[in-house]
Amino acid sequence: MEKDYICIACPIGCRLKLTADGGKLVVSGNKCKRGEVYAIEEYSEPKRVVTATCSIGMDKAVSGFKLERMPVKTTKPILKDQIDSLLKDIYALKLKPPVKRGDVLLKDYNGTGIDVVATRSAG
């Protein structure tokens, strides 16, 4: 079995080929060790950093502020099969200002050690 990837571990963007040969994973096309690590991880446990927005409730005390949605992101990549449930939890958030950039909104999501943080300030 063969899979092709374009490495995103560094700016070079090597074209990688991963071959599963008798239970052993062999990577070719990489110009550095990071490419091999990337291809094996992408094959066995693909992860992504998640960026999204959640609702922010504003009251009249915060005048002139028009933001209705707060941009957020995960602090580390999360397994792809957990992204849908994470997004549901993010979309369910109803934040109250003040919120500062970097504030942890969801801590240790499902025991993964990954936090969801605000990427801007409000209020």
N, C-alpha and C. Protein backbone atom coordinates (compact mmCIF):
# COMPACT_ATOMS: atom_id res chain seq x y z
N MET A 1 0.82 -1.17 0.00
CA MET A 1 0.00 0.00 0.00
C MET A 1 0.88 1.24 0.00
N GLU A 2 0.54 2.20 -0.84
CA GLU A 2 1.31 3.45 -0.91
C GLU A 2 0.39 4.64 -0.73
N LYS A 3 0.91 5.68 -0.06
CA LYS A 3 0.20 6.94 0.12
C LYS A 3 1.17 8.07 -0.21
N ASP A 4 0.67 9.10 -0.86
CA ASP A 4 1.47 10.27 -1.18
C ASP A 4 1.06 11.43 -0.29
N TYR A 5 2.04 12.19 0.15
CA TYR A 5 1.81 13.36 1.00
C TYR A 5 2.71 14.49 0.53
N ILE A 6 2.31 15.70 0.84
CA ILE A 6 3.20 16.86 0.71
C ILE A 6 3.48 17.30 2.13
N CYS A 7 4.75 17.30 2.49
CA CYS A 7 5.15 17.59 3.86
C CYS A 7 4.90 19.06 4.19
N ILE A 8 4.36 19.30 5.39
CA ILE A 8 4.14 20.68 5.85
C ILE A 8 4.95 20.97 7.11
N ALA A 9 5.92 20.09 7.42
CA ALA A 9 6.72 20.26 8.62
C ALA A 9 7.73 21.41 8.49
N CYS A 10 8.08 21.77 7.28
CA CYS A 10 8.99 22.90 7.05
C CYS A 10 8.64 23.54 5.71
N PRO A 11 9.24 24.65 5.36
CA PRO A 11 8.87 25.36 4.12
C PRO A 11 9.25 24.66 2.81
N ILE A 12 10.06 23.61 2.85
CA ILE A 12 10.49 22.97 1.61
C ILE A 12 9.32 22.32 0.88
N GLY A 13 8.41 21.65 1.60
CA GLY A 13 7.24 21.02 0.99
C GLY A 13 7.60 19.79 0.16
N CYS A 14 8.38 18.91 0.72
CA CYS A 14 8.79 17.70 0.01
C CYS A 14 7.59 16.85 -0.37
N ARG A 15 7.69 16.19 -1.52
CA ARG A 15 6.69 15.20 -1.94
C ARG A 15 7.11 13.86 -1.37
N LEU A 16 6.29 13.36 -0.48
CA LEU A 16 6.62 12.14 0.25
C LEU A 16 5.82 10.97 -0.28
N LYS A 17 6.41 9.81 -0.22
CA LYS A 17 5.72 8.57 -0.53
C LYS A 17 5.91 7.65 0.66
N LEU A 18 4.79 7.21 1.25
CA LEU A 18 4.82 6.28 2.36
C LEU A 18 4.37 4.93 1.84
N THR A 19 5.18 3.92 2.11
CA THR A 19 4.86 2.56 1.70
C THR A 19 4.74 1.69 2.94
N ALA A 20 3.62 0.99 3.04
CA ALA A 20 3.43 0.03 4.13
C ALA A 20 3.88 -1.33 3.58
N ASP A 21 5.01 -1.80 4.09
CA ASP A 21 5.62 -3.02 3.57
C ASP A 21 5.73 -4.04 4.70
N GLY A 22 4.80 -5.00 4.75
CA GLY A 22 4.85 -6.04 5.77
C GLY A 22 4.80 -5.51 7.19
N GLY A 23 3.96 -4.50 7.44
CA GLY A 23 3.85 -3.94 8.78
C GLY A 23 4.87 -2.85 9.07
N LYS A 24 5.83 -2.67 8.18
CA LYS A 24 6.85 -1.62 8.35
C LYS A 24 6.49 -0.44 7.45
N LEU A 25 6.60 0.76 7.99
CA LEU A 25 6.33 1.96 7.22
C LEU A 25 7.64 2.55 6.72
N VAL A 26 7.72 2.76 5.40
CA VAL A 26 8.92 3.30 4.78
C VAL A 26 8.54 4.60 4.07
N VAL A 27 9.29 5.67 4.37
CA VAL A 27 9.02 6.98 3.78
C VAL A 27 10.17 7.34 2.86
N SER A 28 9.82 7.82 1.67
CA SER A 28 10.85 8.30 0.73
C SER A 28 10.45 9.68 0.24
N GLY A 29 11.42 10.42 -0.29
CA GLY A 29 11.19 11.75 -0.82
C GLY A 29 11.47 12.87 0.16
N ASN A 30 11.70 12.52 1.42
CA ASN A 30 11.93 13.55 2.44
C ASN A 30 13.39 14.02 2.40
N LYS A 31 13.58 15.32 2.63
CA LYS A 31 14.92 15.88 2.67
C LYS A 31 15.42 16.07 4.09
N CYS A 32 14.54 15.81 5.07
CA CYS A 32 14.95 15.90 6.47
C CYS A 32 14.14 14.88 7.28
N LYS A 33 14.55 14.67 8.50
CA LYS A 33 13.90 13.70 9.38
C LYS A 33 12.45 14.09 9.69
N ARG A 34 12.18 15.39 9.72
CA ARG A 34 10.82 15.84 10.02
C ARG A 34 9.81 15.32 9.01
N GLY A 35 10.23 15.18 7.76
CA GLY A 35 9.34 14.66 6.72
C GLY A 35 8.94 13.23 6.99
N GLU A 36 9.87 12.42 7.44
CA GLU A 36 9.57 11.03 7.78
C GLU A 36 8.58 10.97 8.95
N VAL A 37 8.83 11.76 9.99
CA VAL A 37 7.95 11.81 11.16
C VAL A 37 6.56 12.27 10.73
N TYR A 38 6.49 13.31 9.90
CA TYR A 38 5.21 13.84 9.44
C TYR A 38 4.40 12.78 8.70
N ALA A 39 5.01 12.10 7.74
CA ALA A 39 4.29 11.10 6.93
C ALA A 39 3.77 9.95 7.78
N ILE A 40 4.59 9.47 8.70
CA ILE A 40 4.17 8.36 9.56
C ILE A 40 3.03 8.80 10.47
N GLU A 41 3.12 10.00 11.04
CA GLU A 41 2.05 10.49 11.89
C GLU A 41 0.78 10.74 11.09
N GLU A 42 0.91 11.30 9.91
CA GLU A 42 -0.26 11.58 9.07
C GLU A 42 -0.95 10.28 8.65
N TYR A 43 -0.19 9.23 8.47
CA TYR A 43 -0.76 7.93 8.12
C TYR A 43 -1.43 7.26 9.33
N SER A 44 -0.76 7.28 10.46
CA SER A 44 -1.25 6.51 11.61
C SER A 44 -2.17 7.29 12.54
N GLU A 45 -1.92 8.56 12.76
CA GLU A 45 -2.71 9.40 13.68
C GLU A 45 -2.79 10.83 13.17
N PRO A 46 -3.55 11.09 12.11
CA PRO A 46 -3.59 12.45 11.57
C PRO A 46 -4.18 13.43 12.59
N LYS A 47 -3.54 14.58 12.71
CA LYS A 47 -3.95 15.62 13.66
C LYS A 47 -4.01 16.96 12.95
N ARG A 48 -4.81 17.85 13.51
CA ARG A 48 -4.92 19.20 12.98
C ARG A 48 -5.10 20.20 14.11
N VAL A 49 -4.56 21.41 13.92
CA VAL A 49 -4.90 22.53 14.79
C VAL A 49 -6.27 23.00 14.31
N VAL A 50 -7.18 23.22 15.25
CA VAL A 50 -8.54 23.64 14.91
C VAL A 50 -8.70 25.13 15.20
N THR A 51 -9.21 25.85 14.22
CA THR A 51 -9.57 27.25 14.42
C THR A 51 -11.07 27.36 14.16
N ALA A 52 -11.74 28.16 14.96
CA ALA A 52 -13.19 28.31 14.83
C ALA A 52 -13.60 29.61 15.50
N THR A 53 -14.89 29.81 15.63
CA THR A 53 -15.42 30.95 16.39
C THR A 53 -16.52 30.46 17.32
N CYS A 54 -16.71 31.18 18.41
CA CYS A 54 -17.80 30.88 19.33
C CYS A 54 -18.55 32.17 19.61
N SER A 55 -19.71 32.03 20.19
CA SER A 55 -20.58 33.18 20.47
C SER A 55 -20.04 34.01 21.63
N ILE A 56 -20.18 35.32 21.49
CA ILE A 56 -19.81 36.20 22.59
C ILE A 56 -20.99 37.11 22.87
N GLY A 57 -21.46 37.07 24.10
CA GLY A 57 -22.62 37.88 24.50
C GLY A 57 -22.14 39.24 24.96
N MET A 58 -22.69 40.27 24.37
CA MET A 58 -22.28 41.62 24.72
C MET A 58 -23.42 42.30 25.48
N ASP A 59 -23.05 43.10 26.47
CA ASP A 59 -24.06 43.91 27.13
C ASP A 59 -23.78 45.38 26.85
N LYS A 60 -24.66 46.22 27.23
CA LYS A 60 -24.53 47.64 26.90
C LYS A 60 -23.35 48.32 27.58
N ALA A 61 -22.76 47.65 28.58
CA ALA A 61 -21.61 48.24 29.27
C ALA A 61 -20.37 48.29 28.39
N VAL A 62 -20.33 47.46 27.36
CA VAL A 62 -19.18 47.45 26.45
C VAL A 62 -19.61 48.21 25.20
N SER A 63 -19.46 49.52 25.24
CA SER A 63 -19.96 50.35 24.16
C SER A 63 -19.01 50.34 22.97
N GLY A 64 -19.59 50.38 21.79
CA GLY A 64 -18.82 50.48 20.57
C GLY A 64 -18.18 49.17 20.12
N PHE A 65 -18.38 48.11 20.85
CA PHE A 65 -17.77 46.84 20.49
C PHE A 65 -18.77 46.03 19.69
N LYS A 66 -18.41 45.63 18.47
CA LYS A 66 -19.36 45.00 17.57
C LYS A 66 -19.11 43.50 17.35
N LEU A 67 -18.18 42.93 18.02
CA LEU A 67 -17.84 41.52 17.80
C LEU A 67 -18.93 40.61 18.36
N GLU A 68 -19.49 39.76 17.52
CA GLU A 68 -20.50 38.80 17.96
C GLU A 68 -19.92 37.40 18.09
N ARG A 69 -18.81 37.15 17.41
CA ARG A 69 -18.16 35.85 17.44
C ARG A 69 -16.71 36.04 17.88
N MET A 70 -16.22 35.13 18.70
CA MET A 70 -14.85 35.20 19.21
C MET A 70 -14.02 34.15 18.48
N PRO A 71 -12.93 34.54 17.83
CA PRO A 71 -12.07 33.54 17.20
C PRO A 71 -11.28 32.76 18.26
N VAL A 72 -11.20 31.46 18.06
CA VAL A 72 -10.52 30.57 19.01
C VAL A 72 -9.68 29.56 18.24
N LYS A 73 -8.77 28.90 18.95
CA LYS A 73 -7.98 27.83 18.34
C LYS A 73 -7.49 26.87 19.40
N THR A 74 -7.08 25.69 18.95
CA THR A 74 -6.49 24.73 19.87
C THR A 74 -5.02 25.07 20.07
N THR A 75 -4.50 24.73 21.23
CA THR A 75 -3.10 25.04 21.53
C THR A 75 -2.14 24.04 20.90
N LYS A 76 -2.66 22.88 20.51
CA LYS A 76 -1.87 21.83 19.84
C LYS A 76 -2.78 21.14 18.85
N PRO A 77 -2.20 20.41 17.91
CA PRO A 77 -3.05 19.63 17.00
C PRO A 77 -3.82 18.55 17.76
N ILE A 78 -5.05 18.30 17.31
CA ILE A 78 -5.91 17.29 17.91
C ILE A 78 -6.21 16.22 16.86
N LEU A 79 -6.44 15.00 17.29
CA LEU A 79 -6.74 13.92 16.36
C LEU A 79 -7.96 14.29 15.51
N LYS A 80 -7.87 13.97 14.21
CA LYS A 80 -8.94 14.34 13.29
C LYS A 80 -10.28 13.74 13.69
N ASP A 81 -10.29 12.55 14.27
CA ASP A 81 -11.57 11.94 14.62
C ASP A 81 -12.24 12.59 15.83
N GLN A 82 -11.56 13.53 16.49
CA GLN A 82 -12.15 14.25 17.62
C GLN A 82 -12.61 15.66 17.24
N ILE A 83 -12.36 16.06 16.01
CA ILE A 83 -12.63 17.44 15.60
C ILE A 83 -14.12 17.75 15.61
N ASP A 84 -14.96 16.87 15.12
CA ASP A 84 -16.39 17.16 15.07
C ASP A 84 -16.97 17.43 16.46
N SER A 85 -16.62 16.59 17.43
CA SER A 85 -17.16 16.80 18.79
C SER A 85 -16.57 18.07 19.41
N LEU A 86 -15.30 18.36 19.12
CA LEU A 86 -14.69 19.60 19.62
C LEU A 86 -15.43 20.81 19.05
N LEU A 87 -15.71 20.80 17.76
CA LEU A 87 -16.40 21.93 17.15
C LEU A 87 -17.79 22.12 17.76
N LYS A 88 -18.50 21.04 18.04
CA LYS A 88 -19.81 21.16 18.69
C LYS A 88 -19.68 21.85 20.04
N ASP A 89 -18.64 21.48 20.79
CA ASP A 89 -18.43 22.10 22.10
C ASP A 89 -18.02 23.56 21.98
N ILE A 90 -17.21 23.88 20.98
CA ILE A 90 -16.82 25.28 20.75
C ILE A 90 -18.04 26.11 20.37
N TYR A 91 -18.85 25.60 19.44
CA TYR A 91 -20.03 26.35 18.99
C TYR A 91 -21.06 26.52 20.10
N ALA A 92 -21.03 25.66 21.11
CA ALA A 92 -21.97 25.76 22.23
C ALA A 92 -21.54 26.81 23.27
N LEU A 93 -20.28 27.25 23.20
CA LEU A 93 -19.79 28.24 24.16
C LEU A 93 -20.52 29.57 24.00
N LYS A 94 -20.81 30.20 25.12
CA LYS A 94 -21.40 31.55 25.16
C LYS A 94 -20.54 32.37 26.10
N LEU A 95 -19.59 33.09 25.55
CA LEU A 95 -18.63 33.84 26.35
C LEU A 95 -19.21 35.16 26.82
N LYS A 96 -18.74 35.60 27.97
CA LYS A 96 -19.09 36.91 28.51
C LYS A 96 -17.81 37.73 28.63
N PRO A 97 -17.79 38.95 28.07
CA PRO A 97 -16.60 39.79 28.20
C PRO A 97 -16.39 40.18 29.65
N PRO A 98 -15.20 40.51 30.06
CA PRO A 98 -14.02 40.61 29.20
C PRO A 98 -13.35 39.25 28.97
N VAL A 99 -12.86 39.10 27.76
CA VAL A 99 -12.07 37.93 27.38
C VAL A 99 -10.77 38.47 26.81
N LYS A 100 -9.67 37.94 27.27
CA LYS A 100 -8.36 38.38 26.78
C LYS A 100 -7.76 37.32 25.86
N ARG A 101 -7.02 37.79 24.87
CA ARG A 101 -6.33 36.86 23.98
C ARG A 101 -5.47 35.92 24.82
N GLY A 102 -5.59 34.63 24.54
CA GLY A 102 -4.83 33.62 25.28
C GLY A 102 -5.60 33.00 26.43
N ASP A 103 -6.77 33.58 26.80
CA ASP A 103 -7.58 32.98 27.85
C ASP A 103 -8.00 31.57 27.45
N VAL A 104 -7.90 30.64 28.38
CA VAL A 104 -8.30 29.26 28.12
C VAL A 104 -9.81 29.17 28.26
N LEU A 105 -10.47 28.74 27.19
CA LEU A 105 -11.93 28.65 27.17
C LEU A 105 -12.40 27.22 27.42
N LEU A 106 -11.67 26.25 26.93
CA LEU A 106 -11.90 24.83 27.21
C LEU A 106 -10.55 24.25 27.62
N LYS A 107 -10.45 23.77 28.84
CA LYS A 107 -9.17 23.26 29.36
C LYS A 107 -9.11 21.74 29.22
N ASP A 108 -7.97 21.25 28.78
CA ASP A 108 -7.70 19.80 28.70
C ASP A 108 -8.87 19.07 28.04
N TYR A 109 -9.17 19.44 26.82
CA TYR A 109 -10.34 18.91 26.12
C TYR A 109 -10.34 17.39 26.11
N ASN A 110 -11.35 16.80 26.70
CA ASN A 110 -11.53 15.33 26.77
C ASN A 110 -10.28 14.60 27.23
N GLY A 111 -9.51 15.22 28.12
CA GLY A 111 -8.32 14.57 28.66
C GLY A 111 -7.16 14.48 27.68
N THR A 112 -7.18 15.28 26.62
CA THR A 112 -6.13 15.24 25.59
C THR A 112 -4.93 16.10 25.95
N GLY A 113 -5.08 16.99 26.94
CA GLY A 113 -4.01 17.93 27.26
C GLY A 113 -4.03 19.13 26.33
N ILE A 114 -5.06 19.24 25.50
CA ILE A 114 -5.17 20.32 24.52
C ILE A 114 -6.22 21.31 25.01
N ASP A 115 -5.85 22.58 25.03
CA ASP A 115 -6.76 23.64 25.43
C ASP A 115 -7.28 24.38 24.20
N VAL A 116 -8.44 25.01 24.35
CA VAL A 116 -8.96 25.92 23.35
C VAL A 116 -8.83 27.31 23.94
N VAL A 117 -8.18 28.22 23.19
CA VAL A 117 -7.91 29.57 23.70
C VAL A 117 -8.49 30.63 22.76
N ALA A 118 -8.77 31.79 23.34
CA ALA A 118 -9.20 32.95 22.56
C ALA A 118 -8.01 33.49 21.78
N THR A 119 -8.25 33.92 20.55
CA THR A 119 -7.15 34.47 19.75
C THR A 119 -7.22 35.99 19.61
N ARG A 120 -8.18 36.60 20.31
CA ARG A 120 -8.21 38.06 20.41
C ARG A 120 -8.91 38.45 21.69
N SER A 121 -8.86 39.70 22.00
CA SER A 121 -9.48 40.20 23.24
C SER A 121 -10.83 40.83 22.92
N ALA A 122 -11.72 40.79 23.89
CA ALA A 122 -13.03 41.43 23.76
C ALA A 122 -13.42 42.05 25.09
N GLY A 123 -13.80 43.29 25.05
CA GLY A 123 -14.28 43.95 26.26
C GLY A 123 -13.17 44.45 27.05
